[in-house]
Protein backbone atom coordinates (compact mmCIF):
# COMPACT_ATOMS: atom_id res chain seq x y z
CA MET A 1 9.09 -4.61 -2.56
CA VAL A 2 10.79 -2.06 -0.43
CA ARG A 3 14.48 -2.23 -1.24
CA ARG A 4 15.47 -0.21 1.77
CA LEU A 5 14.03 2.38 4.08
CA ALA A 6 15.65 5.54 2.81
CA ALA A 7 17.11 7.81 5.47
CA VAL A 8 16.61 11.06 3.67
CA VAL A 9 14.14 13.63 4.92
CA LEU A 10 11.96 14.75 2.03
CA MET A 11 12.71 18.16 0.56
CA ALA A 12 15.23 18.94 3.27
CA ALA A 13 18.97 18.75 3.58
CA SER A 14 19.01 17.00 6.94
CA VAL A 15 19.55 13.25 7.12
CA LEU A 16 17.30 10.95 9.08
CA VAL A 17 19.41 8.53 11.11
CA LEU A 18 17.65 5.28 11.90
CA SER A 19 18.49 3.46 15.10
CA PRO A 20 20.36 0.24 14.34
CA ALA A 21 18.47 -1.59 17.06
CA PRO A 22 14.90 -2.80 16.64
CA ALA A 23 12.02 -2.03 18.94
CA HIS A 24 11.75 -4.06 22.14
CA ALA A 25 15.50 -4.70 21.89
CA ALA A 26 15.73 -7.19 24.74
CA SER A 27 13.01 -9.43 23.29
CA CYS A 28 14.52 -9.21 19.82
CA GLY A 29 17.94 -10.26 21.02
CA TYR A 30 19.73 -6.96 20.42
CA GLN A 31 21.64 -5.02 23.03
CA SER A 32 21.19 -1.43 21.91
CA LYS A 33 18.16 0.46 23.15
CA PRO A 34 15.89 1.80 20.39
CA VAL A 35 15.80 5.55 19.93
CA ALA A 36 13.03 7.62 18.35
CA ALA A 37 13.82 9.20 14.99
CA PRO A 38 13.39 12.91 14.18
CA LYS A 39 9.93 14.06 13.17
CA ILE A 40 9.05 15.06 9.63
CA SER A 41 6.53 17.83 9.09
CA VAL A 42 7.13 18.49 5.38
CA THR A 43 4.31 17.35 3.08
CA SER A 44 5.46 14.85 0.45
CA TRP A 45 4.55 14.67 -3.23
CA ALA A 46 2.55 11.51 -2.53
CA GLN A 47 0.42 13.22 0.09
CA ARG A 48 -0.33 16.03 -2.34
CA LEU A 49 -1.19 13.61 -5.12
CA LEU A 50 -3.53 11.53 -2.94
CA ASP A 51 -5.21 14.66 -1.54
CA LEU A 52 -6.32 12.75 1.56
CA PRO A 53 -8.01 15.67 3.38
CA ARG A 54 -10.80 15.60 0.79
CA ALA A 55 -11.26 11.86 1.16
CA HIS A 56 -11.23 12.10 4.95
CA GLN A 57 -14.17 14.48 4.85
CA LEU A 58 -16.15 11.50 3.56
CA ALA A 59 -14.58 8.47 5.25
CA THR A 60 -11.81 7.58 7.70
CA GLY A 61 -11.95 3.79 7.85
CA SER A 62 -13.59 3.81 11.26
CA GLY A 63 -14.73 0.34 12.29
CA VAL A 64 -12.61 -1.40 9.64
CA ARG A 65 -9.96 -3.95 10.65
CA VAL A 66 -6.84 -4.12 8.49
CA ALA A 67 -4.36 -6.95 8.96
CA VAL A 68 -0.77 -5.93 8.18
CA VAL A 69 1.32 -8.96 7.18
CA ASP A 70 4.88 -7.78 7.68
CA SER A 71 7.54 -7.65 10.42
CA GLY A 72 5.18 -6.57 13.19
CA VAL A 73 4.17 -3.09 14.33
CA ASP A 74 5.65 -1.05 17.17
CA ARG A 75 2.55 0.39 18.78
CA ARG A 76 4.55 2.65 21.06
CA HIS A 77 4.64 5.19 18.26
CA PRO A 78 2.28 8.01 19.28
CA GLN A 79 0.49 7.95 15.93
CA LEU A 80 -0.08 4.20 16.16
CA ALA A 81 -0.82 3.69 19.85
CA LYS A 82 -4.60 4.00 19.43
CA ALA A 83 -4.67 2.27 16.07
CA VAL A 84 -2.92 -1.03 16.79
CA GLN A 85 -4.58 -3.98 18.50
CA THR A 86 -2.99 -7.27 19.41
CA GLY A 87 -2.59 -9.42 16.33
CA TRP A 88 -0.68 -12.63 15.68
CA ASP A 89 3.00 -13.59 15.71
CA VAL A 90 3.62 -16.36 13.21
CA THR A 91 7.22 -16.71 14.41
CA THR A 92 6.06 -17.75 17.90
CA GLY A 93 2.69 -19.24 17.03
CA GLY A 94 0.76 -17.04 19.43
CA SER A 95 -1.00 -13.73 19.81
CA GLY A 96 1.15 -10.62 19.49
CA GLY A 97 2.52 -8.87 16.45
CA THR A 98 3.34 -5.68 18.34
CA LEU A 99 7.04 -6.59 18.26
CA ASP A 100 8.90 -5.14 15.27
CA CYS A 101 12.39 -6.64 15.18
CA GLN A 102 13.18 -5.63 11.62
CA ARG A 103 16.12 -3.27 12.01
CA GLN A 104 14.51 -0.46 10.05
CA GLY A 105 11.01 -0.97 11.41
CA HIS A 106 9.53 -2.07 8.11
CA GLY A 107 6.20 -3.28 9.44
CA THR A 108 5.76 -0.19 11.59
CA ALA A 109 6.34 2.08 8.61
CA ILE A 110 3.96 0.16 6.34
CA ALA A 111 1.21 0.05 8.98
CA SER A 112 1.47 3.80 9.47
CA LEU A 113 0.80 4.44 5.79
CA ILE A 114 -2.47 2.58 6.21
CA GLY A 115 -3.76 3.87 9.52
CA ALA A 116 -1.56 6.38 11.34
CA ARG A 117 -3.56 8.85 13.40
CA PRO A 118 -2.99 12.53 12.56
CA ALA A 119 -0.69 14.65 14.72
CA SER A 120 -0.38 18.43 14.81
CA ASP A 121 3.42 18.32 14.50
CA ALA A 122 3.68 15.72 11.72
CA SER A 123 2.74 15.54 8.05
CA LEU A 124 2.09 11.80 8.27
CA VAL A 125 -1.50 10.64 8.31
CA GLY A 126 -2.70 7.22 7.23
CA VAL A 127 -4.94 6.76 4.22
CA ALA A 128 -7.53 5.34 6.64
CA PRO A 129 -6.69 7.22 9.85
CA GLN A 130 -9.40 5.64 12.00
CA ALA A 131 -8.95 2.04 10.89
CA THR A 132 -7.94 -0.64 13.39
CA LEU A 133 -4.59 -2.26 12.58
CA LEU A 134 -3.97 -5.96 13.27
CA PRO A 135 -0.22 -6.64 13.09
CA ILE A 136 0.63 -10.08 11.71
CA ARG A 137 4.34 -10.66 12.28
CA VAL A 138 5.87 -13.22 9.93
CA ALA A 139 9.62 -12.46 9.97
CA ASP A 140 12.32 -10.02 10.99
CA ASN A 141 13.77 -9.48 7.53
CA ASP A 142 13.01 -6.72 5.06
CA PRO A 143 10.72 -8.01 2.28
CA ALA A 144 13.34 -6.82 -0.23
CA THR A 145 15.99 -9.22 1.03
CA ASP A 146 17.08 -12.35 -0.79
CA ALA A 147 15.68 -14.49 2.04
CA PRO A 148 11.93 -13.93 1.79
CA VAL A 149 9.44 -15.29 4.26
CA SER A 150 8.27 -18.83 3.55
CA ALA A 151 5.02 -19.59 1.77
CA ALA A 152 3.91 -21.59 4.81
CA ALA A 153 4.38 -18.57 7.06
CA LEU A 154 2.42 -16.37 4.68
CA ALA A 155 -0.38 -18.94 4.48
CA THR A 156 -0.59 -18.98 8.27
CA ALA A 157 -0.57 -15.19 8.34
CA VAL A 158 -3.52 -14.99 5.95
CA THR A 159 -5.43 -17.64 7.89
CA GLU A 160 -4.88 -15.88 11.22
CA SER A 161 -5.81 -12.53 9.70
CA GLU A 162 -9.14 -13.96 8.62
CA ARG A 163 -9.67 -15.58 12.02
CA LEU A 164 -9.08 -12.26 13.76
CA GLY A 165 -11.83 -10.65 11.72
CA ALA A 166 -9.81 -8.61 9.22
CA ASP A 167 -11.86 -6.77 6.61
CA VAL A 168 -8.74 -6.01 4.57
CA ILE A 169 -5.48 -7.98 4.48
CA HIS A 170 -2.32 -6.17 3.40
CA ILE A 171 0.60 -8.42 2.39
CA SER A 172 4.03 -6.85 1.97
CA TYR A 173 5.79 -9.98 0.73
CA SER A 174 6.06 -11.40 -2.77
CA LEU A 175 7.13 -14.92 -3.72
CA ALA A 176 8.43 -15.92 -7.13
CA VAL A 177 6.92 -19.41 -6.91
CA ASP A 178 3.27 -20.41 -6.57
CA ASP A 179 2.40 -22.41 -3.46
CA ALA A 180 -0.73 -24.50 -2.96
CA ARG A 181 -1.04 -23.71 0.76
CA LEU A 182 -0.78 -19.98 0.23
CA ARG A 183 -3.14 -20.10 -2.73
CA ALA A 184 -5.73 -21.98 -0.68
CA ALA A 185 -5.45 -19.63 2.30
CA VAL A 186 -5.91 -16.58 0.09
CA ALA A 187 -8.87 -18.17 -1.71
CA ARG A 188 -10.57 -18.92 1.62
CA ALA A 189 -10.07 -15.35 2.81
CA ILE A 190 -11.51 -13.90 -0.39
CA LYS A 191 -14.44 -16.33 -0.31
CA SER A 192 -15.20 -15.20 3.24
CA GLY A 193 -15.44 -11.58 2.05
CA VAL A 194 -11.99 -10.17 2.83
CA VAL A 195 -10.29 -7.69 0.49
CA VAL A 196 -6.73 -8.95 -0.08
CA VAL A 197 -4.09 -6.48 -1.28
CA ALA A 198 -0.52 -7.56 -2.04
CA ALA A 199 2.70 -5.95 -3.19
CA ALA A 200 3.46 -6.90 -6.79
CA GLY A 201 7.14 -7.13 -5.86
CA ASP A 202 10.36 -5.40 -6.83
CA GLY A 203 13.02 -6.96 -9.01
CA LEU A 204 10.98 -10.06 -9.88
CA PRO A 205 10.98 -10.88 -13.62
CA GLY A 206 7.71 -12.82 -13.68
CA PRO A 207 4.49 -13.20 -11.71
CA SER A 208 4.67 -12.87 -7.95
CA TYR A 209 2.48 -14.46 -5.34
CA PRO A 210 0.07 -13.82 -3.71
CA ALA A 211 -0.38 -10.76 -5.98
CA ALA A 212 -1.02 -12.99 -9.01
CA TYR A 213 -3.82 -15.00 -7.40
CA ASP A 214 -7.37 -14.45 -8.61
CA GLY A 215 -9.19 -11.81 -6.61
CA VAL A 216 -6.06 -10.32 -5.06
CA VAL A 217 -5.31 -6.67 -5.81
CA GLY A 218 -1.68 -6.62 -6.96
CA VAL A 219 -0.04 -3.22 -6.57
CA GLY A 220 2.93 -1.69 -8.36
CA ALA A 221 4.84 1.40 -7.26
CA LEU A 222 4.53 4.83 -8.85
CA ALA A 223 7.59 7.09 -8.80
CA ALA A 224 7.45 10.82 -8.14
CA SER A 225 8.29 11.34 -11.82
CA GLY A 226 4.97 9.78 -12.79
CA ASP A 227 6.62 6.68 -14.22
CA VAL A 228 6.67 3.24 -12.66
CA LEU A 229 9.31 3.04 -9.94
CA ASP A 230 12.51 1.38 -11.10
CA GLY A 231 12.31 -2.33 -10.28
CA SER A 232 8.57 -2.39 -9.64
CA ALA A 233 7.09 -5.57 -11.07
CA ARG A 234 5.31 -5.53 -14.40
CA GLY A 235 2.78 -8.01 -15.69
CA PRO A 236 -0.88 -9.00 -15.58
CA HIS A 237 -0.68 -9.36 -11.79
CA VAL A 238 -0.34 -5.57 -11.48
CA ASP A 239 -3.89 -4.28 -11.04
CA LEU A 240 -3.15 -0.80 -9.73
CA VAL A 241 -0.23 1.47 -8.97
CA ALA A 242 0.10 3.87 -6.07
CA PRO A 243 2.78 6.25 -4.80
CA GLY A 244 5.78 4.13 -3.89
CA GLU A 245 8.70 6.54 -3.63
CA GLN A 246 9.76 8.75 -0.72
CA LEU A 247 6.68 8.28 1.44
CA VAL A 248 6.78 9.72 4.96
CA ALA A 249 6.10 6.93 7.46
CA ALA A 250 6.40 6.12 11.16
CA ALA A 251 9.73 4.97 12.57
CA ARG A 252 10.00 2.57 15.49
CA VAL A 253 9.29 4.11 18.91
CA GLY A 254 8.64 7.59 17.51
CA GLY A 255 9.49 10.06 14.80
CA HIS A 256 9.47 9.38 11.09
CA THR A 257 11.36 7.81 8.23
CA VAL A 258 10.97 7.63 4.45
CA VAL A 259 9.95 4.46 2.62
CA GLY A 260 9.30 3.25 -0.89
CA GLY A 261 8.64 0.22 -3.06
CA THR A 262 5.63 -1.92 -3.81
CA PRO A 263 4.78 -2.78 -0.16
CA ALA A 264 4.45 0.95 0.52
CA ALA A 265 2.31 1.37 -2.59
CA ALA A 266 0.18 -1.61 -1.54
CA ALA A 267 -0.30 0.01 1.87
CA VAL A 268 -1.83 3.04 0.16
CA VAL A 269 -4.27 0.79 -1.71
CA SER A 270 -5.06 -1.15 1.48
CA GLY A 271 -5.93 2.14 3.14
CA ALA A 272 -8.16 3.08 0.22
CA ALA A 273 -9.92 -0.28 0.51
CA ALA A 274 -10.47 0.41 4.22
CA LEU A 275 -12.06 3.77 3.40
CA LEU A 276 -14.51 2.06 1.05
CA ARG A 277 -15.30 -0.72 3.51
CA GLY A 278 -16.06 1.84 6.19
CA SER A 279 -18.11 4.02 3.87
CA HIS A 280 -20.03 1.11 2.34
CA PRO A 281 -20.16 -1.69 4.94
CA GLN A 282 -22.83 -3.50 2.93
CA TRP A 283 -20.56 -3.90 -0.11
CA THR A 284 -18.94 -7.21 -0.92
CA ASN A 285 -15.19 -7.44 -1.33
CA GLU A 286 -15.72 -7.78 -5.08
CA GLU A 287 -17.62 -4.49 -5.16
CA VAL A 288 -14.84 -2.76 -3.24
CA VAL A 289 -12.20 -4.05 -5.64
CA ARG A 290 -14.22 -3.12 -8.71
CA ARG A 291 -14.66 0.42 -7.42
CA LEU A 292 -10.93 0.82 -6.77
CA LEU A 293 -10.09 -0.38 -10.28
CA ALA A 294 -12.80 1.59 -12.06
CA THR A 295 -11.97 4.92 -10.41
CA ALA A 296 -8.19 4.79 -10.80
CA ASP A 297 -6.55 7.82 -12.41
CA GLY A 298 -4.94 7.76 -15.80
CA THR A 299 -1.14 7.87 -15.69
CA ALA A 300 1.63 9.26 -17.84
CA GLY A 301 2.19 5.71 -19.09
CA GLY A 302 -1.45 4.97 -19.81
CA THR A 303 -3.73 2.38 -18.24
CA GLY A 304 -4.71 -1.20 -18.93
CA ASN A 305 -1.11 -2.29 -19.35
CA ALA A 306 1.46 -4.44 -17.59
CA ALA A 307 3.23 -1.53 -15.92
CA PHE A 308 0.39 0.59 -14.53
CA GLY A 309 -2.49 -1.87 -14.33
CA GLN A 310 -5.77 0.02 -14.36
CA GLY A 311 -4.06 3.21 -13.22
CA SER A 312 -3.14 5.07 -10.05
CA VAL A 313 -5.45 4.56 -7.08
CA ASN A 314 -7.52 7.61 -6.15
CA PRO A 315 -9.22 7.28 -2.73
CA TYR A 316 -11.43 10.34 -3.23
CA ARG A 317 -12.73 9.23 -6.62
CA ALA A 318 -13.40 5.77 -5.23
CA LEU A 319 -15.61 7.30 -2.55
CA VAL A 320 -17.61 9.70 -4.71
CA GLU A 321 -17.88 8.25 -8.21
CA PRO A 322 -20.26 5.51 -9.36
CA ALA A 323 -18.54 2.34 -10.44
CA ALA A 324 -17.68 2.29 -14.12
CA THR A 325 -16.50 -0.51 -16.36
CA VAL A 326 -13.06 -1.67 -15.29
CA GLY A 327 -10.54 -0.55 -17.85
CA ALA A 328 -12.42 2.60 -18.85
CA VAL A 329 -10.27 5.69 -19.30
CA PRO A 330 -10.77 8.09 -16.37
CA THR A 331 -12.04 11.54 -17.32
CA TRP A 332 -11.89 13.12 -13.88
CA ALA A 333 -9.39 15.96 -13.46
CA PRO A 334 -7.61 16.72 -10.15
CA ALA A 335 -8.73 19.84 -8.32
CA PRO A 336 -6.69 22.88 -9.47
CA ALA A 337 -5.25 23.26 -5.98
CA THR A 338 -3.83 19.75 -6.17
CA LEU A 339 -1.87 20.50 -9.33
CA ALA A 340 -0.82 23.92 -8.10
CA GLN A 341 0.67 22.43 -4.96
CA ALA A 342 2.71 19.81 -6.79
CA PRO A 343 6.35 20.47 -5.82
CA THR A 344 8.57 21.65 -8.65
CA ARG A 345 11.54 19.56 -7.65
CA PRO A 346 13.49 17.08 -9.80
CA GLY A 347 11.24 14.22 -8.70
CA TRP A 348 8.11 15.96 -9.97
CA PRO A 349 8.87 17.79 -13.24
CA GLY A 350 6.48 20.19 -14.86
CA SER A 351 6.13 17.80 -17.79
CA TRP A 352 4.56 15.20 -15.50
CA ARG A 353 2.10 17.71 -14.10
CA VAL A 354 1.07 18.55 -17.64
CA ALA A 355 0.88 14.87 -18.55
CA LEU A 356 -1.29 14.14 -15.54
CA ALA A 357 -3.67 16.94 -16.39
CA CYS A 358 -3.85 15.93 -20.04
CA ALA A 359 -4.41 12.26 -19.21
CA ALA A 360 -7.17 13.18 -16.82
CA LEU A 361 -8.86 15.73 -19.09
CA PHE A 362 -8.53 14.13 -22.49
CA GLY A 363 -7.91 10.41 -21.82
CA LEU A 364 -5.49 8.20 -23.67
CA GLY A 365 -4.70 8.11 -27.36
CA ALA A 366 -5.96 5.34 -29.61
CA ALA A 367 -2.59 3.62 -29.67
CA GLY A 368 -2.46 3.35 -25.89
CA LEU A 369 -5.97 1.91 -25.82
CA LEU A 370 -5.14 -0.71 -28.42
CA THR A 371 -1.97 -1.87 -26.71
CA GLY A 372 -3.67 -2.07 -23.35
CA ARG A 373 -6.68 -4.18 -24.34
CA ALA A 374 -5.10 -7.58 -23.80
CA VAL A 375 -3.84 -6.70 -20.33
CA ALA A 376 -7.12 -4.98 -19.45
CA ARG A 377 -9.00 -8.15 -20.34
CA THR A 378 -6.71 -10.10 -18.02
CA HIS A 379 -7.45 -7.71 -15.15
CA ARG A 380 -11.18 -8.03 -15.72
CA GLN A 381 -10.90 -11.82 -15.68
CA ARG A 382 -8.89 -11.80 -12.45
CA HIS A 383 -11.58 -9.76 -10.72
CA ARG A 384 -14.70 -11.09 -12.42
CA PRO A 385 -17.66 -11.43 -10.02
CA SER A 386 -18.46 -14.97 -9.01
CA GLY A 387 -21.75 -16.64 -9.79
């Protein structure tokens, strides 16, 4: 989960100051008026790694509805205004969701990673920049707090997401305890054809829910170093990893902030799922999930293991490559320009660029394959086609 929304502008010395008051201050019960944050135009390591311009030449997520289960989404942000429709507010039991009372605008930031529209003066663009976002507001607190949202609230959020016609459901929250109501709601959504993506959680020693439920894509966070982000969950419920450190995202009202953690990583995967749903509307949710798993990139830590799952999500590969057997070692190599543009800062050392290239070109060693088999089998079982 996101531990905090960092207030550091990427690759710059200036500090991003977040407004202490949430959006729609009067409705949220705060006195201070929200203020837009500064804009960020610097391209992050994650944007370079994902290489979204290539993917967007093939798909943008147009026509796909993505439910964002979080703290709500402030649709006043210029890059979200045309993306966000009215969703559902679990806290009031009625339509809404466009109220983001979390002090750091958590839901707004996460939603922008999925579907922010491009802007000429900003580096931020969502993974699926033409997707429709359905905000499902469940709480005001940051998912990384010690007071997580209740299982009942999450179950309602999933049910309402399905009712509103979501094609993809993104869930930022992780619970340490299984819950029958939440499990049933997720199972119904998956049975109806929805792709469900959930943060694997940060700082949780064991399985987290709903990420651990069958059919759900559980996502861990990849650090800029190429390793798993410190605190990102490990275990058989981690199916994929995605960039989860220092991601440029939308702040409440306007401007940008920097986020990280497994909810941010899950947002990247949710966006990739939206690209596939838009590009292949005839595919089942199982086919979408299998493609995401089969086309994931190899990582510096290998694949088919408890830390990295099947590897790092690659939206472009998912769009262009035929589905392979889940757990197979990727042999695709990033375009030379992608590696050349990788920033040579402490968060992205040259050794990781070399490791990425070697993993992509030559695959994993025999030892890595042997140690990953048990976990890989678990992933295949969790996403085995029905029937």
